[in-house]
């Protein structure tokens, strides 16, 4: 993925509107399914492989979704890019010469906390 893809990434307002107070069904780059609820108060809850993860989320000034699980000191941030009918998350390396790394694909985005997470 080239840096030219940056033009297709969401801006801060678009990214927040996409997931704020929504449940997202997704698949990670290694094939693991997850369901995540992004509450409007900045807390997320993710269920994957029988485990429940909780933490905080925000959209940074570059439009990247940043998540910090409880107990962690730093957040991981990924750019949300629309590819066809799905949304993909990419880790953007600090060196522009390195390729973007696909992390997760959002398959379905539903209003509210549909899975009661």
Protein backbone atom coordinates (compact mmCIF):
# COMPACT_ATOMS: atom_id res chain seq x y z
CA UNK A 1 0.00 0.00 0.00
CA UNK A 2 1.49 3.32 -1.01
CA UNK A 3 1.25 6.69 0.66
CA UNK A 4 -1.10 7.65 -2.19
CA UNK A 5 -3.73 5.69 -0.30
CA UNK A 6 -3.72 8.39 2.37
CA UNK A 7 -6.16 10.39 0.28
CA UNK A 8 -8.79 7.67 0.77
CA UNK A 9 -8.43 7.54 4.56
CA UNK A 10 -11.17 9.11 6.64
CA UNK A 11 -10.66 12.45 8.34
CA UNK A 12 -11.22 12.84 12.08
CA UNK A 13 -14.93 13.76 11.86
CA UNK A 14 -15.72 11.02 9.32
CA UNK A 15 -13.93 8.33 11.33
CA UNK A 16 -15.67 9.33 14.56
CA UNK A 17 -19.10 9.39 12.87
CA UNK A 18 -18.44 5.93 11.40
CA UNK A 19 -17.92 4.13 14.73
CA UNK A 20 -19.15 6.39 17.56
CA UNK A 21 -21.88 4.55 19.54
CA UNK A 22 -21.69 1.63 17.08
CA UNK A 23 -21.00 -2.10 17.18
CA UNK A 24 -18.40 -3.23 14.65
CA UNK A 25 -18.05 -6.83 13.46
CA UNK A 26 -14.55 -7.36 12.12
CA UNK A 27 -11.87 -9.85 11.14
CA UNK A 28 -8.20 -9.37 11.96
CA UNK A 29 -5.40 -9.84 9.45
CA UNK A 30 -4.77 -13.31 10.93
CA UNK A 31 -8.42 -14.33 10.52
CA UNK A 32 -9.74 -13.88 14.06
CA UNK A 33 -13.27 -12.48 14.28
CA UNK A 34 -14.16 -9.81 16.83
CA UNK A 35 -17.13 -7.71 17.86
CA UNK A 36 -16.36 -4.26 19.31
CA UNK A 37 -18.67 -1.62 20.75
CA UNK A 38 -17.33 1.96 20.64
CA UNK A 39 -19.32 3.95 23.21
CA UNK A 40 -19.80 7.70 22.88
CA UNK A 41 -17.97 8.23 26.20
CA UNK A 42 -14.69 6.96 24.70
CA UNK A 43 -14.76 3.41 26.11
CA UNK A 44 -14.62 0.33 23.90
CA UNK A 45 -15.38 -3.31 24.67
CA UNK A 46 -14.18 -6.05 22.31
CA UNK A 47 -15.12 -9.72 22.33
CA UNK A 48 -12.80 -12.06 20.42
CA UNK A 49 -12.13 -15.80 20.78
CA UNK A 50 -14.03 -15.90 24.09
CA UNK A 51 -12.05 -13.04 25.64
CA UNK A 52 -13.40 -9.62 26.56
CA UNK A 53 -11.08 -6.62 26.21
CA UNK A 54 -11.96 -3.18 27.53
CA UNK A 55 -10.18 0.11 27.05
CA UNK A 56 -10.43 3.65 25.74
CA UNK A 57 -10.64 4.90 22.17
CA UNK A 58 -10.38 8.18 20.29
CA UNK A 59 -9.80 9.44 16.77
CA UNK A 60 -6.55 11.39 16.48
CA UNK A 61 -5.90 14.51 14.41
CA UNK A 62 -4.84 12.33 11.44
CA UNK A 63 -8.20 10.51 11.42
CA UNK A 64 -6.72 7.34 12.89
CA UNK A 65 -8.64 5.13 15.32
CA UNK A 66 -6.56 4.84 18.49
CA UNK A 67 -7.28 2.16 21.09
CA UNK A 68 -5.59 1.65 24.45
CA UNK A 69 -6.60 -1.51 26.32
CA UNK A 70 -6.94 -1.24 30.10
CA UNK A 71 -3.56 -1.90 31.71
CA UNK A 72 -1.57 -0.70 28.68
CA UNK A 73 0.38 2.56 28.69
CA UNK A 74 0.19 3.40 24.98
CA UNK A 75 -2.48 3.34 22.31
CA UNK A 76 -2.29 1.63 18.94
CA UNK A 77 -3.59 3.74 16.05
CA UNK A 78 -4.75 2.70 12.58
CA UNK A 79 -6.10 4.60 9.59
CA UNK A 80 -9.60 3.63 8.40
CA UNK A 81 -9.82 3.23 4.62
CA UNK A 82 -12.89 2.29 2.57
CA UNK A 83 -12.14 -0.54 0.11
CA UNK A 84 -15.20 -1.47 -1.95
CA UNK A 85 -18.02 -2.27 0.49
CA UNK A 86 -15.81 -2.77 3.55
CA UNK A 87 -13.61 -0.66 5.79
CA UNK A 88 -10.01 -1.69 6.41
CA UNK A 89 -7.67 -0.56 9.17
CA UNK A 90 -4.01 0.01 8.37
CA UNK A 91 -1.04 0.65 10.64
CA UNK A 92 0.89 3.52 9.06
CA UNK A 93 4.65 3.14 9.64
CA UNK A 94 6.69 6.13 10.79
CA UNK A 95 8.97 5.75 7.74
CA UNK A 96 7.13 6.68 4.54
CA UNK A 97 9.17 4.16 2.55
CA UNK A 98 7.69 1.22 4.46
CA UNK A 99 4.37 -0.29 3.30
CA UNK A 100 1.13 0.12 5.21
CA UNK A 101 0.22 -2.95 7.24
CA UNK A 102 -3.36 -4.28 7.07
CA UNK A 103 -4.57 -4.94 10.63
CA UNK A 104 -8.35 -5.48 10.52
CA UNK A 105 -11.39 -5.42 8.23
CA UNK A 106 -14.76 -4.05 9.39
CA UNK A 107 -17.41 -6.29 7.82
CA UNK A 108 -20.47 -4.81 9.49
CA UNK A 109 -21.19 -1.60 11.42
CA UNK A 110 -24.42 -1.51 13.43
CA UNK A 111 -26.04 1.30 15.43
CA UNK A 112 -25.86 0.94 19.22
CA UNK A 113 -24.55 -1.86 21.43
CA UNK A 114 -26.21 -4.73 19.55
CA UNK A 115 -24.26 -7.46 21.41
CA UNK A 116 -24.70 -5.94 24.89
CA UNK A 117 -20.95 -5.64 25.45
